[in-house]
Protein backbone atom coordinates (compact mmCIF):
# COMPACT_ATOMS: atom_id res chain seq x y z
CA MET A 1 0.00 0.00 0.00
CA TYR A 2 2.79 2.42 0.91
CA LYS A 3 5.65 0.88 -1.11
CA ARG A 4 5.39 3.16 -4.15
CA TYR A 5 4.86 6.23 -1.96
CA TYR A 6 8.13 5.63 -0.09
CA GLY A 7 10.04 4.28 -3.12
CA LEU A 8 10.20 0.70 -1.86
CA GLN A 9 10.28 -2.48 -3.91
CA ARG A 10 8.78 -4.62 -1.14
CA ASN A 11 7.61 -4.47 2.45
CA PRO A 12 10.74 -3.85 4.53
CA PHE A 13 9.32 -5.04 7.84
CA GLU A 14 7.79 -8.44 7.17
CA LEU A 15 7.17 -10.43 10.35
CA LEU A 16 7.90 -13.90 8.96
CA PRO A 17 11.51 -15.08 9.50
CA ASP A 18 13.52 -14.60 6.31
CA SER A 19 17.17 -15.61 6.11
CA LYS A 20 17.59 -13.37 3.04
CA THR A 21 16.96 -10.27 5.13
CA LEU A 22 18.76 -11.47 8.23
CA PHE A 23 20.39 -8.72 10.26
CA LEU A 24 22.98 -10.06 12.67
CA SER A 25 23.60 -7.91 15.71
CA GLU A 26 26.62 -8.71 17.85
CA THR A 27 24.58 -11.01 20.08
CA HIS A 28 23.10 -12.79 17.05
CA LYS A 29 26.56 -13.28 15.51
CA GLU A 30 27.76 -14.72 18.80
CA GLY A 31 24.66 -16.92 19.07
CA LEU A 32 25.11 -18.31 15.55
CA ALA A 33 28.79 -18.96 16.20
CA THR A 34 27.87 -20.74 19.44
CA LEU A 35 25.39 -23.02 17.66
CA ARG A 36 27.92 -23.87 14.96
CA TYR A 37 30.52 -24.58 17.62
CA GLY A 38 28.01 -26.88 19.30
CA ILE A 39 27.99 -29.01 16.14
CA LEU A 40 31.70 -28.84 15.35
CA SER A 41 32.76 -29.55 18.92
CA LYS A 42 30.33 -32.48 19.00
CA LYS A 43 28.55 -31.34 22.12
CA GLY A 44 25.60 -33.54 23.03
CA PHE A 45 23.13 -30.90 24.22
CA VAL A 46 23.07 -27.17 23.44
CA LEU A 47 20.64 -24.73 25.05
CA LEU A 48 19.59 -21.49 23.29
CA THR A 49 17.18 -19.12 25.02
CA GLY A 50 15.81 -15.70 24.17
CA GLY A 51 12.72 -13.57 24.70
CA VAL A 52 9.71 -13.61 22.38
CA GLY A 53 10.60 -12.06 19.03
CA THR A 54 14.37 -11.86 19.57
CA GLY A 55 15.15 -13.92 16.46
CA LYS A 56 15.70 -17.48 17.73
CA THR A 57 13.77 -19.16 14.91
CA THR A 58 15.47 -17.01 12.27
CA LEU A 59 18.84 -17.96 13.71
CA ILE A 60 17.92 -21.65 13.56
CA ASN A 61 16.83 -21.31 9.93
CA VAL A 62 20.18 -19.77 9.01
CA LEU A 63 22.06 -22.47 10.89
CA VAL A 64 20.10 -25.29 9.23
CA LYS A 65 20.62 -23.80 5.79
CA SER A 66 24.37 -23.64 6.36
CA VAL A 67 24.83 -27.17 7.74
CA LYS A 68 22.11 -29.19 5.98
CA SER A 69 24.58 -30.56 3.43
CA LEU A 70 26.93 -31.64 6.20
CA VAL A 71 24.63 -33.22 8.81
CA ASN A 72 21.25 -34.94 9.00
CA VAL A 73 18.88 -32.32 10.43
CA CYS A 74 15.45 -32.64 12.02
CA VAL A 75 13.72 -29.49 13.30
CA LEU A 76 10.60 -29.80 15.42
CA SER A 77 8.81 -26.46 15.95
CA ASN A 78 5.51 -27.75 17.33
CA PRO A 79 5.89 -28.99 20.91
CA LEU A 80 2.19 -29.82 21.26
CA LEU A 81 2.54 -33.42 20.14
CA SER A 82 1.77 -36.68 21.84
CA SER A 83 4.62 -39.11 22.46
CA GLN A 84 3.51 -41.20 19.49
CA GLU A 85 3.32 -38.16 17.18
CA PHE A 86 6.69 -37.00 18.44
CA PHE A 87 8.49 -40.18 17.38
CA LEU A 88 6.52 -40.37 14.13
CA TYR A 89 7.63 -36.85 13.20
CA ILE A 90 11.32 -37.55 13.81
CA ALA A 91 11.12 -40.80 11.86
CA SER A 92 9.45 -39.02 8.95
CA GLU A 93 12.07 -36.23 8.88
CA LEU A 94 14.96 -38.69 8.90
CA GLY A 95 13.36 -41.07 6.40
CA LEU A 96 12.90 -43.93 8.87
CA PRO A 97 9.99 -46.38 8.91
CA PHE A 98 7.59 -46.11 11.84
CA THR A 99 5.16 -48.60 13.29
CA ASN A 100 5.53 -48.04 17.02
CA LYS A 101 7.89 -46.54 19.59
CA VAL A 102 9.90 -49.72 20.15
CA ASN A 103 10.44 -50.15 16.42
CA PHE A 104 11.43 -46.49 16.08
CA LEU A 105 14.04 -46.67 18.85
CA ARG A 106 15.63 -49.68 17.17
CA GLU A 107 15.58 -48.01 13.75
CA PHE A 108 16.95 -44.75 15.15
CA SER A 109 19.80 -46.52 16.95
CA ASP A 110 20.76 -48.40 13.79
CA PHE A 111 20.52 -45.15 11.81
CA LEU A 112 22.97 -43.38 14.13
CA LYS A 113 25.45 -46.25 13.92
CA LYS A 114 25.32 -46.35 10.12
CA GLU A 115 25.70 -42.58 9.82
CA GLN A 116 28.58 -42.61 12.29
CA ASN A 117 30.35 -45.25 10.20
CA LYS A 118 30.01 -42.86 7.24
CA TYR A 119 31.31 -40.00 9.43
CA ASN A 120 27.92 -38.30 9.27
CA ARG A 121 26.35 -36.53 12.23
CA THR A 122 22.69 -36.07 13.13
CA LEU A 123 21.23 -32.88 14.60
CA LEU A 124 17.85 -32.69 16.34
CA ILE A 125 16.55 -29.16 17.02
CA PHE A 126 13.53 -28.63 19.26
CA ASP A 127 12.14 -25.09 18.93
CA GLU A 128 9.63 -23.62 21.41
CA ALA A 129 11.04 -26.15 23.86
CA GLN A 130 9.63 -24.22 26.83
CA ALA A 131 6.26 -25.77 25.95
CA LEU A 132 7.53 -29.35 25.93
CA PRO A 133 6.15 -31.38 28.84
CA VAL A 134 8.64 -32.87 31.28
CA ASP A 135 7.90 -36.40 30.07
CA LEU A 136 8.76 -35.47 26.47
CA LEU A 137 11.95 -33.70 27.56
CA GLU A 138 12.92 -36.90 29.33
CA GLU A 139 12.23 -38.85 26.11
CA ILE A 140 14.58 -36.46 24.30
CA ARG A 141 17.32 -37.15 26.83
CA LEU A 142 16.86 -40.87 26.40
CA LEU A 143 17.25 -40.49 22.63
CA SER A 144 20.83 -39.41 23.24
CA ASN A 145 21.49 -42.75 24.91
CA LEU A 146 20.82 -44.53 21.62
CA SER A 147 24.09 -43.31 20.17
CA GLY A 148 25.82 -45.68 22.61
CA ASP A 149 29.58 -45.45 22.34
CA ASN A 150 29.24 -43.27 19.25
CA VAL A 151 29.10 -40.03 21.22
CA ASP A 152 29.89 -38.01 18.10
CA ALA A 153 26.83 -39.24 16.24
CA LEU A 154 24.10 -37.04 17.71
CA SER A 155 23.64 -33.42 18.79
CA ILE A 156 20.44 -32.07 20.33
CA PHE A 157 19.57 -28.37 20.49
CA LEU A 158 16.89 -27.10 22.87
CA VAL A 159 15.64 -23.67 21.82
CA GLY A 160 13.05 -21.63 23.68
CA GLN A 161 11.97 -18.67 25.74
CA PRO A 162 13.52 -18.01 29.18
CA GLU A 163 10.69 -20.07 30.71
CA LEU A 164 12.56 -23.09 29.39
CA LEU A 165 15.05 -22.61 32.23
CA ASP A 166 12.20 -22.96 34.73
CA ARG A 167 11.01 -26.12 32.97
CA LEU A 168 14.51 -27.61 33.09
CA ALA A 169 14.72 -26.83 36.81
CA ASP A 170 12.30 -29.69 37.45
CA PRO A 171 14.08 -32.23 39.70
CA ARG A 172 13.13 -35.01 37.25
CA LEU A 173 15.25 -33.34 34.57
CA LEU A 174 18.51 -33.24 36.54
CA PRO A 175 20.12 -35.85 34.24
CA LEU A 176 19.19 -33.70 31.23
CA ARG A 177 20.55 -30.50 32.79
CA GLN A 178 23.86 -32.22 33.48
CA ARG A 179 24.23 -33.08 29.78
CA ILE A 180 23.88 -29.52 28.50
CA GLY A 181 27.38 -28.61 27.35
CA ILE A 182 26.72 -25.12 25.94
CA ARG A 183 24.24 -22.42 26.93
CA PHE A 184 23.58 -19.11 25.22
CA HIS A 185 20.98 -16.36 25.72
CA LEU A 186 19.98 -14.00 22.90
CA THR A 187 19.63 -10.41 24.07
CA PRO A 188 17.64 -7.66 22.29
CA PHE A 189 19.20 -5.01 20.04
CA SER A 190 21.09 -2.08 21.47
CA SER A 191 20.14 1.47 20.46
CA GLN A 192 22.77 1.44 17.69
CA ASP A 193 21.68 -2.03 16.57
CA THR A 194 18.09 -0.79 16.31
CA LYS A 195 19.11 2.06 14.04
CA GLN A 196 21.28 -0.16 11.86
CA TYR A 197 18.51 -2.76 11.70
CA ILE A 198 15.94 -0.25 10.42
CA LEU A 199 18.38 1.11 7.82
CA PHE A 200 19.35 -2.45 6.82
CA ARG A 201 15.72 -3.44 6.30
CA LEU A 202 14.97 -0.33 4.27
CA ASN A 203 18.04 -0.95 2.12
CA LYS A 204 17.05 -4.59 1.51
CA ALA A 205 13.61 -3.34 0.45
CA GLY A 206 15.24 -1.16 -2.21
CA ALA A 207 14.63 2.21 -0.55
CA SER A 208 16.19 5.12 -2.43
CA ASN A 209 15.92 7.21 0.75
CA LEU A 210 17.20 5.53 3.91
CA GLN A 211 16.32 8.52 6.07
CA ILE A 212 12.58 7.83 6.13
CA PHE A 213 12.68 7.53 9.93
CA SER A 214 14.05 10.53 11.81
CA GLU A 215 16.71 10.09 14.50
CA GLN A 216 14.14 11.01 17.18
CA ALA A 217 11.68 8.48 15.77
CA ILE A 218 14.29 5.71 15.87
CA GLN A 219 15.14 6.58 19.45
CA ILE A 220 11.49 6.33 20.48
CA ILE A 221 11.22 3.00 18.60
CA PHE A 222 14.16 1.64 20.60
CA GLN A 223 12.83 2.93 23.92
CA THR A 224 9.34 1.49 23.46
CA THR A 225 10.36 -1.89 21.97
CA HIS A 226 13.51 -2.34 24.08
CA GLY A 227 15.28 -3.49 20.91
CA ASN A 228 12.96 -6.44 20.24
CA PRO A 229 13.23 -7.18 16.47
CA ARG A 230 9.64 -8.40 16.08
CA LEU A 231 8.18 -5.37 17.85
CA ILE A 232 10.41 -3.08 15.78
CA ASN A 233 8.94 -4.65 12.64
CA VAL A 234 5.37 -4.23 13.88
CA LEU A 235 5.88 -0.62 14.90
CA CYS A 236 7.81 0.45 11.79
CA ASP A 237 5.29 -1.17 9.45
CA HIS A 238 2.41 0.55 11.22
CA ALA A 239 4.30 3.86 11.13
CA LEU A 240 4.77 3.64 7.36
CA ILE A 241 1.05 2.99 6.94
CA SER A 242 0.23 5.98 9.17
CA GLY A 243 2.77 8.20 7.41
CA PHE A 244 1.30 7.26 4.02
CA SER A 245 -2.28 7.94 5.17
CA GLN A 246 -1.22 11.36 6.52
CA GLY A 247 0.76 12.25 3.41
CA GLU A 248 4.07 12.41 5.31
CA LEU A 249 7.30 11.45 3.53
CA SER A 250 9.23 11.39 6.80
CA ILE A 251 8.33 9.41 9.90
CA ASP A 252 8.91 11.56 12.97
CA GLU A 253 8.49 10.85 16.66
CA GLU A 254 4.91 12.18 16.66
CA ILE A 255 3.82 9.49 14.21
CA ILE A 256 5.64 6.81 16.22
CA LEU A 257 3.96 7.92 19.45
CA GLU A 258 0.55 7.83 17.77
CA CYS A 259 1.24 4.32 16.44
CA ILE A 260 2.30 3.05 19.85
CA GLN A 261 -0.99 4.19 21.36
CA GLU A 262 -2.94 2.63 18.48
CA LEU A 263 -1.10 -0.70 18.80
CA HIS A 264 -1.32 -0.85 22.58
CA LEU A 265 -4.02 -3.22 23.80
CA PRO A 266 -5.92 -2.34 27.01
CA GLY A 267 -4.38 -4.14 29.96
CA ASP A 268 -1.28 -5.16 28.00
CA THR A 269 1.87 -4.27 29.91
CA ALA A 270 4.28 -6.67 28.21
CA THR A 271 4.35 -5.51 24.59
CA PHE A 272 5.20 -1.86 24.03
CA ASP A 273 6.72 0.24 26.81
CA LEU A 274 4.43 3.25 27.15
CA SER A 275 6.73 5.18 29.50
CA PRO A 276 8.23 7.30 26.67
CA VAL A 277 4.68 8.16 25.56
CA VAL A 278 3.70 9.10 29.12
CA GLN A 279 6.86 11.18 29.53
CA LYS A 280 6.13 12.93 26.25
CA LYS A 281 2.60 13.76 27.40
CA ARG A 282 3.86 15.01 30.75
CA LYS A 283 6.44 17.16 28.99
CA ARG A 284 3.75 18.61 26.76
CA ARG A 285 1.47 19.25 29.70
CA GLY A 286 4.35 20.84 31.57
CA LEU A 287 5.13 23.15 28.66
CA VAL A 288 1.48 24.04 28.23
CA GLY A 289 1.16 24.73 31.94
CA LEU A 290 4.29 26.88 31.86
CA LEU A 291 3.00 28.87 28.87
CA ILE A 292 -0.36 29.42 30.58
CA ALA A 293 1.38 30.55 33.76
CA CYS A 294 3.59 32.95 31.81
CA LEU A 295 0.56 34.28 29.95
CA LEU A 296 -1.32 34.86 33.20
CA VAL A 297 1.66 36.67 34.69
CA LEU A 298 1.94 38.83 31.57
CA LEU A 299 -1.78 39.65 31.65
CA GLY A 300 -1.48 40.50 35.34
CA ILE A 301 1.39 42.89 34.64
CA ILE A 302 -0.51 44.55 31.78
CA PHE A 303 -3.62 44.85 33.94
CA PHE A 304 -1.60 46.28 36.81
CA PHE A 305 0.07 48.99 34.73
CA ARG A 306 -3.17 49.89 32.94
CA HIS A 307 -5.02 50.13 36.21
CA ARG A 308 -2.24 52.25 37.70
CA TRP A 309 -2.23 54.56 34.62
CA VAL A 310 -5.97 55.09 34.91
CA LEU A 311 -5.63 56.01 38.56
């Protein structure tokens, strides 16, 4: 809708993960390097955590794309599966026959041995792992036992929100916790990262003018999203729509503040930080109050001198 107006070839702030428009902040570069090291160093279990919308799934997609020709990869992104569906999914992804759990465990064990003999590794990635029930997490740990003496044959990555740490704190999962060799937590963008991310996205969208968002607007975007990539996308996209509807070629802080209020849901305290909006309103009210006070003082002085002149 606004692409032609702003000289864009496509929507710069799509929400779906896209490795082609991947922006790697310092923490994302470190996270990707950590995941790759987890494979190369043949660590059994690797734990990756990060808040909602920080780019975990995008990072996984990039990793899988870069190692798929080197290792057997199975990515499970839906944790809401029964035990039977869980094993059926893994078997399907790895090209193994499936009739029941016992048969699968035998087939999977043989598969790991054969692949190890060919110097091939297998990588299982469980996304949204914070939603996996304890029993299924225990099943995942037991899968690692099937590699037997071939400790180099299998790597398992657990990826999820910080709540995953609470889930793993369950006393029943102590054996699993002890097997986690590498842990990494993705942090949000810094203020500079946020600016570079917005410019990067605009550039990838073919923008002829990268200064669509003012410096003040970008600062407000960072303050209200706390550098969360997904929220940045939502807010910037909405701002471009608002700017187009208002006939504005530049997105300033006023448009951003309006968008934040429009996107904020009643009772929602976990999405956008409204404190910059509140501070802005207070500042405005303070300035208005100061102007009114000054005006009243000026009128009082004028009245006083006029009244004195008449007398």
